[in-house]
Amino acid sequence: MTKLYYSPGACSLAGHILLEEFGRPYELKLTPVGDEGTGSKEFLKINPRGRVPVLIDGGEIITESPAILFYLSSSFSDGNFWPKSVLEQARCWEWFNWLSSNVHAVAYGQVWRPGRFIDDEHQWKNVISKGNNNLQEFSGVIENNISGRTWCVGEAYSCVDPYLFVFYSWGKAIGLDMESSFPAWSRHAARMLERSAVQSALRQEGLIP
């Protein structure tokens, strides 16, 4: 059976949402961030990087959210969540690369993991401040890209949309005024919350009642 290693509210939520969209059996493996979860010997044997998400399917181990989302949408849904147009496929990878590198690794990395950028703890406040500035800038880019659209790519819901939803929820979590500052992105998030798969995944992760 397909197994997803996840931490509540982490970027693994995107893969969790897709698995719910498919409506086929899968297993969730709660893996908290830290020594008892992602840092445990058991987990590091599966993913030496020590991070979620990890997907195991047919004995194959797949890591990194964009790779997992591509695999799931291409393999499990008859291509319903992966566009057939080569141009729209390229647009998916544009989103994936931007979100995973600039938004996740850089901006949120600076805010939540300043020690990854500089060893001197006295400088961490400056790193966090720069991260918050980057988040405002990068969120503005997202706002412009999603403005006037129902979904991220083309006219149809795709595997990019759950991934974008994760970063919206992170913005809310750190106190960004998402509704006022990023109205188009907020409308996208509202459409996501109308989907039963999203609600189910959020409930299973304890993020909504």
C-alpha atoms as a PDB file:
ATOM      1  CA  MET A   1       0.000   0.000   0.000  1.00  0.00           C
ATOM      2  CA  THR A   2       1.137   3.538  -0.721  1.00  0.00           C
ATOM      3  CA  LYS A   3       2.532   5.212   2.391  1.00  0.00           C
ATOM      4  CA  LEU A   4       3.068   8.915   3.065  1.00  0.00           C
ATOM      5  CA  TYR A   5       5.339  10.113   5.850  1.00  0.00           C
ATOM      6  CA  TYR A   6       4.052  13.493   6.975  1.00  0.00           C
ATOM      7  CA  SER A   7       4.172  16.152   9.653  1.00  0.00           C
ATOM      8  CA  PRO A   8       0.965  18.126  10.332  1.00  0.00           C
ATOM      9  CA  GLY A   9       0.812  21.300   8.266  1.00  0.00           C
ATOM     10  CA  ALA A  10       4.192  20.730   6.624  1.00  0.00           C
ATOM     11  CA  CYS A  11       4.643  20.718   2.852  1.00  0.00           C
ATOM     12  CA  SER A  12       3.685  17.038   3.027  1.00  0.00           C
ATOM     13  CA  LEU A  13       0.109  18.338   3.282  1.00  0.00           C
ATOM     14  CA  ALA A  14       0.095  18.841  -0.495  1.00  0.00           C
ATOM     15  CA  GLY A  15       0.725  15.162  -1.166  1.00  0.00           C
ATOM     16  CA  HIS A  16      -1.810  14.228   1.495  1.00  0.00           C
ATOM     17  CA  ILE A  17      -4.460  16.318  -0.269  1.00  0.00           C
ATOM     18  CA  LEU A  18      -3.721  14.626  -3.589  1.00  0.00           C
ATOM     19  CA  LEU A  19      -4.000  11.175  -2.038  1.00  0.00           C
ATOM     20  CA  GLU A  20      -7.405  12.176  -0.698  1.00  0.00           C
ATOM     21  CA  GLU A  21      -8.408  13.416  -4.150  1.00  0.00           C
ATOM     22  CA  PHE A  22      -7.770   9.972  -5.621  1.00  0.00           C
ATOM     23  CA  GLY A  23     -10.008   8.147  -3.169  1.00  0.00           C
ATOM     24  CA  ARG A  24      -7.868   5.024  -3.108  1.00  0.00           C
ATOM     25  CA  PRO A  25      -6.348   3.336  -0.037  1.00  0.00           C
ATOM     26  CA  TYR A  26      -3.127   4.708   1.424  1.00  0.00           C
ATOM     27  CA  GLU A  27      -1.359   4.759   4.765  1.00  0.00           C
ATOM     28  CA  LEU A  28      -0.282   7.833   6.713  1.00  0.00           C
ATOM     29  CA  LYS A  29       2.807   7.732   8.907  1.00  0.00           C
ATOM     30  CA  LEU A  30       2.969  10.618  11.376  1.00  0.00           C
ATOM     31  CA  THR A  31       6.560  11.862  11.503  1.00  0.00           C
ATOM     32  CA  PRO A  32       7.068  14.928  13.711  1.00  0.00           C
ATOM     33  CA  VAL A  33       9.985  17.220  12.998  1.00  0.00           C
ATOM     34  CA  GLY A  34      12.757  16.471  15.494  1.00  0.00           C
ATOM     35  CA  ASP A  35      14.685  13.644  17.087  1.00  0.00           C
ATOM     36  CA  GLU A  36      11.606  11.489  17.674  1.00  0.00           C
ATOM     37  CA  GLY A  37      10.485  11.740  14.061  1.00  0.00           C
ATOM     38  CA  THR A  38      12.505  13.082  11.155  1.00  0.00           C
ATOM     39  CA  GLY A  39      15.731  12.756  13.137  1.00  0.00           C
ATOM     40  CA  SER A  40      15.169   9.187  14.291  1.00  0.00           C
ATOM     41  CA  LYS A  41      17.400   6.353  13.114  1.00  0.00           C
ATOM     42  CA  GLU A  42      14.394   4.574  11.628  1.00  0.00           C
ATOM     43  CA  PHE A  43      13.386   7.546   9.501  1.00  0.00           C
ATOM     44  CA  LEU A  44      16.935   8.447   8.455  1.00  0.00           C
ATOM     45  CA  LYS A  45      17.268   4.974   6.965  1.00  0.00           C
ATOM     46  CA  ILE A  46      14.341   5.863   4.712  1.00  0.00           C
ATOM     47  CA  ASN A  47      15.353   9.457   3.981  1.00  0.00           C
ATOM     48  CA  PRO A  48      18.900  10.404   5.023  1.00  0.00           C
ATOM     49  CA  ARG A  49      17.984  14.069   4.458  1.00  0.00           C
ATOM     50  CA  GLY A  50      15.780  13.835   7.534  1.00  0.00           C
ATOM     51  CA  ARG A  51      12.787  15.634   6.069  1.00  0.00           C
ATOM     52  CA  VAL A  52       9.192  14.978   5.125  1.00  0.00           C
ATOM     53  CA  PRO A  53       7.444  14.256   2.877  1.00  0.00           C
ATOM     54  CA  VAL A  54       8.454  10.765   1.896  1.00  0.00           C
ATOM     55  CA  LEU A  55       6.279   8.613  -0.330  1.00  0.00           C
ATOM     56  CA  ILE A  56       6.733   4.861  -0.585  1.00  0.00           C
ATOM     57  CA  ASP A  57       4.916   3.149  -3.427  1.00  0.00           C
ATOM     58  CA  GLY A  58       5.642  -0.251  -4.904  1.00  0.00           C
ATOM     59  CA  GLY A  59       8.820  -0.458  -2.856  1.00  0.00           C
ATOM     60  CA  GLU A  60      10.157   2.802  -4.310  1.00  0.00           C
ATOM     61  CA  ILE A  61      11.057   5.708  -2.023  1.00  0.00           C
ATOM     62  CA  ILE A  62      10.343   9.187  -3.385  1.00  0.00           C
ATOM     63  CA  THR A  63      11.304  12.400  -1.594  1.00  0.00           C
ATOM     64  CA  GLU A  64      10.779  16.135  -2.218  1.00  0.00           C
ATOM     65  CA  SER A  65       7.292  17.551  -2.672  1.00  0.00           C
ATOM     66  CA  PRO A  66       7.468  18.457  -6.389  1.00  0.00           C
ATOM     67  CA  ALA A  67       8.688  14.955  -7.263  1.00  0.00           C
ATOM     68  CA  ILE A  68       5.986  13.349  -5.126  1.00  0.00           C
ATOM     69  CA  LEU A  69       3.238  15.556  -6.546  1.00  0.00           C
ATOM     70  CA  PHE A  70       4.354  14.844 -10.101  1.00  0.00           C
ATOM     71  CA  TYR A  71       4.512  11.112  -9.425  1.00  0.00           C
ATOM     72  CA  LEU A  72       1.097  10.969  -7.777  1.00  0.00           C
ATOM     73  CA  SER A  73      -0.684  13.100 -10.348  1.00  0.00           C
ATOM     74  CA  SER A  74       0.898  11.201 -13.239  1.00  0.00           C
ATOM     75  CA  SER A  75       0.440   7.704 -11.825  1.00  0.00           C
ATOM     76  CA  PHE A  76      -2.739   7.673  -9.763  1.00  0.00           C
ATOM     77  CA  SER A  77      -5.292   9.851 -11.507  1.00  0.00           C
ATOM     78  CA  ASP A  78      -5.221   9.027 -15.223  1.00  0.00           C
ATOM     79  CA  GLY A  79      -3.449  12.341 -15.676  1.00  0.00           C
ATOM     80  CA  ASN A  80      -6.357  14.382 -14.323  1.00  0.00           C
ATOM     81  CA  PHE A  81      -4.112  16.504 -12.122  1.00  0.00           C
ATOM     82  CA  TRP A  82      -1.161  16.751 -14.510  1.00  0.00           C
ATOM     83  CA  PRO A  83      -1.795  18.801 -17.677  1.00  0.00           C
ATOM     84  CA  LYS A  84      -1.467  17.197 -21.084  1.00  0.00           C
ATOM     85  CA  SER A  85      -0.155  20.327 -22.787  1.00  0.00           C
ATOM     86  CA  VAL A  86       3.643  20.560 -22.788  1.00  0.00           C
ATOM     87  CA  LEU A  87       3.385  24.298 -22.154  1.00  0.00           C
ATOM     88  CA  GLU A  88       1.160  23.771 -19.127  1.00  0.00           C
ATOM     89  CA  GLN A  89       3.510  21.070 -17.854  1.00  0.00           C
ATOM     90  CA  ALA A  90       6.293  23.643 -18.052  1.00  0.00           C
ATOM     91  CA  ARG A  91       4.085  26.058 -16.093  1.00  0.00           C
ATOM     92  CA  CYS A  92       3.731  23.418 -13.379  1.00  0.00           C
ATOM     93  CA  TRP A  93       7.498  23.145 -13.097  1.00  0.00           C
ATOM     94  CA  GLU A  94       7.777  26.934 -12.993  1.00  0.00           C
ATOM     95  CA  TRP A  95       5.503  26.966  -9.965  1.00  0.00           C
ATOM     96  CA  PHE A  96       7.226  23.984  -8.348  1.00  0.00           C
ATOM     97  CA  ASN A  97      10.699  25.479  -8.728  1.00  0.00           C
ATOM     98  CA  TRP A  98       9.673  28.921  -7.495  1.00  0.00           C
ATOM     99  CA  LEU A  99       7.785  27.626  -4.470  1.00  0.00           C
ATOM    100  CA  SER A 100      10.302  24.991  -3.404  1.00  0.00           C
ATOM    101  CA  SER A 101      13.382  27.177  -3.827  1.00  0.00           C
ATOM    102  CA  ASN A 102      12.600  30.840  -3.252  1.00  0.00           C
ATOM    103  CA  VAL A 103       9.520  30.620  -1.053  1.00  0.00           C
ATOM    104  CA  HIS A 104      10.239  27.480   0.974  1.00  0.00           C
ATOM    105  CA  ALA A 105      14.002  27.037   1.107  1.00  0.00           C
ATOM    106  CA  VAL A 106      14.950  30.723   1.157  1.00  0.00           C
ATOM    107  CA  ALA A 107      12.194  32.849   2.702  1.00  0.00           C
ATOM    108  CA  TYR A 108      10.632  30.399   5.153  1.00  0.00           C
ATOM    109  CA  GLY A 109      14.052  28.915   5.785  1.00  0.00           C
ATOM    110  CA  GLN A 110      15.269  32.333   6.904  1.00  0.00           C
ATOM    111  CA  VAL A 111      12.233  32.874   9.129  1.00  0.00           C
ATOM    112  CA  TRP A 112      12.103  29.422  10.738  1.00  0.00           C
ATOM    113  CA  ARG A 113      15.668  28.112  10.367  1.00  0.00           C
ATOM    114  CA  PRO A 114      18.069  31.097  10.475  1.00  0.00           C
ATOM    115  CA  GLY A 115      20.832  28.788  11.691  1.00  0.00           C
ATOM    116  CA  ARG A 116      20.953  27.245   8.232  1.00  0.00           C
ATOM    117  CA  PHE A 117      22.154  30.581   6.867  1.00  0.00           C
ATOM    118  CA  ILE A 118      24.568  31.810   9.526  1.00  0.00           C
ATOM    119  CA  ASP A 119      26.138  30.250  12.616  1.00  0.00           C
ATOM    120  CA  ASP A 120      26.305  33.429  14.700  1.00  0.00           C
ATOM    121  CA  GLU A 121      23.117  33.452  16.780  1.00  0.00           C
ATOM    122  CA  HIS A 122      23.484  37.199  17.304  1.00  0.00           C
ATOM    123  CA  GLN A 123      22.803  37.655  13.587  1.00  0.00           C
ATOM    124  CA  TRP A 124      19.715  35.473  13.455  1.00  0.00           C
ATOM    125  CA  LYS A 125      17.378  38.436  13.986  1.00  0.00           C
ATOM    126  CA  ASN A 126      18.750  39.999  10.813  1.00  0.00           C
ATOM    127  CA  VAL A 127      18.257  36.767   8.889  1.00  0.00           C
ATOM    128  CA  ILE A 128      14.674  36.464  10.140  1.00  0.00           C
ATOM    129  CA  SER A 129      13.992  40.089   9.215  1.00  0.00           C
ATOM    130  CA  LYS A 130      15.332  39.484   5.716  1.00  0.00           C
ATOM    131  CA  GLY A 131      13.176  36.372   5.474  1.00  0.00           C
ATOM    132  CA  ASN A 132      10.053  38.333   6.358  1.00  0.00           C
ATOM    133  CA  ASN A 133      10.928  40.914   3.713  1.00  0.00           C
ATOM    134  CA  ASN A 134      11.455  38.143   1.188  1.00  0.00           C
ATOM    135  CA  LEU A 135       8.091  36.625   2.084  1.00  0.00           C
ATOM    136  CA  GLN A 136       6.332  39.888   1.358  1.00  0.00           C
ATOM    137  CA  GLU A 137       8.124  40.224  -1.969  1.00  0.00           C
ATOM    138  CA  PHE A 138       7.657  36.603  -3.024  1.00  0.00           C
ATOM    139  CA  SER A 139       4.017  36.576  -1.939  1.00  0.00           C
ATOM    140  CA  GLY A 140       3.491  39.599  -4.157  1.00  0.00           C
ATOM    141  CA  VAL A 141       4.872  37.609  -7.084  1.00  0.00           C
ATOM    142  CA  ILE A 142       2.449  34.788  -6.294  1.00  0.00           C
ATOM    143  CA  GLU A 143      -0.421  37.274  -6.048  1.00  0.00           C
ATOM    144  CA  ASN A 144       0.370  38.624  -9.507  1.00  0.00           C
ATOM    145  CA  ASN A 145       0.664  35.135 -10.984  1.00  0.00           C
ATOM    146  CA  ILE A 146      -2.627  33.870  -9.541  1.00  0.00           C
ATOM    147  CA  SER A 147      -4.593  37.069 -10.179  1.00  0.00           C
ATOM    148  CA  GLY A 148      -7.436  36.529 -12.636  1.00  0.00           C
ATOM    149  CA  ARG A 149      -7.081  32.756 -12.447  1.00  0.00           C
ATOM    150  CA  THR A 150      -9.245  30.111 -10.863  1.00  0.00           C
ATOM    151  CA  TRP A 151      -6.373  27.633 -10.581  1.00  0.00           C
ATOM    152  CA  CYS A 152      -2.606  27.901 -10.917  1.00  0.00           C
ATOM    153  CA  VAL A 153      -2.169  26.353 -14.357  1.00  0.00           C
ATOM    154  CA  GLY A 154      -4.587  26.649 -17.258  1.00  0.00           C
ATOM    155  CA  GLU A 155      -8.283  26.275 -16.516  1.00  0.00           C
ATOM    156  CA  ALA A 156      -8.161  23.079 -14.461  1.00  0.00           C
ATOM    157  CA  TYR A 157      -7.214  22.104 -10.933  1.00  0.00           C
ATOM    158  CA  SER A 158      -3.769  20.491 -10.883  1.00  0.00           C
ATOM    159  CA  CYS A 159      -1.176  19.129  -8.479  1.00  0.00           C
ATOM    160  CA  VAL A 160       0.270  22.642  -8.145  1.00  0.00           C
ATOM    161  CA  ASP A 161      -2.807  23.969  -6.353  1.00  0.00           C
ATOM    162  CA  PRO A 162      -2.419  21.917  -3.141  1.00  0.00           C
ATOM    163  CA  TYR A 163       1.241  22.932  -3.017  1.00  0.00           C
ATOM    164  CA  LEU A 164       0.397  26.622  -3.283  1.00  0.00           C
ATOM    165  CA  PHE A 165      -2.254  26.162  -0.590  1.00  0.00           C
ATOM    166  CA  VAL A 166       0.427  24.975   1.850  1.00  0.00           C
ATOM    167  CA  PHE A 167       2.313  28.255   1.579  1.00  0.00           C
ATOM    168  CA  TYR A 168      -0.860  30.260   2.020  1.00  0.00           C
ATOM    169  CA  SER A 169      -1.535  28.387   5.256  1.00  0.00           C
ATOM    170  CA  TRP A 170       2.022  29.078   6.399  1.00  0.00           C
ATOM    171  CA  GLY A 171       1.527  32.780   5.750  1.00  0.00           C
ATOM    172  CA  LYS A 172      -1.556  32.711   7.945  1.00  0.00           C
ATOM    173  CA  ALA A 173       0.346  30.775  10.607  1.00  0.00           C
ATOM    174  CA  ILE A 174       3.086  33.396  10.956  1.00  0.00           C
ATOM    175  CA  GLY A 175       0.602  36.260  11.057  1.00  0.00           C
ATOM    176  CA  LEU A 176       0.740  37.714   7.552  1.00  0.00           C
ATOM    177  CA  ASP A 177      -2.399  39.647   6.621  1.00  0.00           C
ATOM    178  CA  MET A 178      -3.157  37.361   3.709  1.00  0.00           C
ATOM    179  CA  GLU A 179      -6.727  38.494   3.012  1.00  0.00           C
ATOM    180  CA  SER A 180      -5.941  42.195   2.725  1.00  0.00           C
ATOM    181  CA  SER A 181      -2.504  41.955   1.167  1.00  0.00           C
ATOM    182  CA  PHE A 182      -3.093  39.064  -1.229  1.00  0.00           C
ATOM    183  CA  PRO A 183      -6.795  38.929  -2.185  1.00  0.00           C
ATOM    184  CA  ALA A 184      -6.401  36.795  -5.323  1.00  0.00           C
ATOM    185  CA  TRP A 185      -4.331  34.232  -3.445  1.00  0.00           C
ATOM    186  CA  SER A 186      -6.925  34.298  -0.651  1.00  0.00           C
ATOM    187  CA  ARG A 187      -9.689  33.517  -3.138  1.00  0.00           C
ATOM    188  CA  HIS A 188      -7.639  30.584  -4.397  1.00  0.00           C
ATOM    189  CA  ALA A 189      -7.257  29.323  -0.819  1.00  0.00           C
ATOM    190  CA  ALA A 190     -11.010  29.664  -0.281  1.00  0.00           C
ATOM    191  CA  ARG A 191     -11.663  27.541  -3.371  1.00  0.00           C
ATOM    192  CA  MET A 192      -9.252  24.956  -2.029  1.00  0.00           C
ATOM    193  CA  LEU A 193     -11.088  24.834   1.286  1.00  0.00           C
ATOM    194  CA  GLU A 194     -14.319  24.041  -0.551  1.00  0.00           C
ATOM    195  CA  ARG A 195     -12.849  20.748  -1.776  1.00  0.00           C
ATOM    196  CA  SER A 196     -13.730  17.719   0.314  1.00  0.00           C
ATOM    197  CA  ALA A 197     -10.237  16.261  -0.158  1.00  0.00           C
ATOM    198  CA  VAL A 198      -8.676  19.365   1.382  1.00  0.00           C
ATOM    199  CA  GLN A 199     -11.058  19.317   4.330  1.00  0.00           C
ATOM    200  CA  SER A 200     -10.424  15.615   4.901  1.00  0.00           C
ATOM    201  CA  ALA A 201      -6.637  16.004   4.847  1.00  0.00           C
ATOM    202  CA  LEU A 202      -6.779  18.982   7.214  1.00  0.00           C
ATOM    203  CA  ARG A 203      -8.970  17.064   9.661  1.00  0.00           C
ATOM    204  CA  GLN A 204      -6.722  14.014   9.588  1.00  0.00           C
ATOM    205  CA  GLU A 205      -3.742  16.224  10.406  1.00  0.00           C
ATOM    206  CA  GLY A 206      -5.616  17.925  13.243  1.00  0.00           C
ATOM    207  CA  LEU A 207      -5.552  21.325  11.554  1.00  0.00           C
ATOM    208  CA  ILE A 208      -9.323  21.865  11.575  1.00  0.00           C
ATOM    209  CA  PRO A 209     -12.038  20.374  13.829  1.00  0.00           C
END
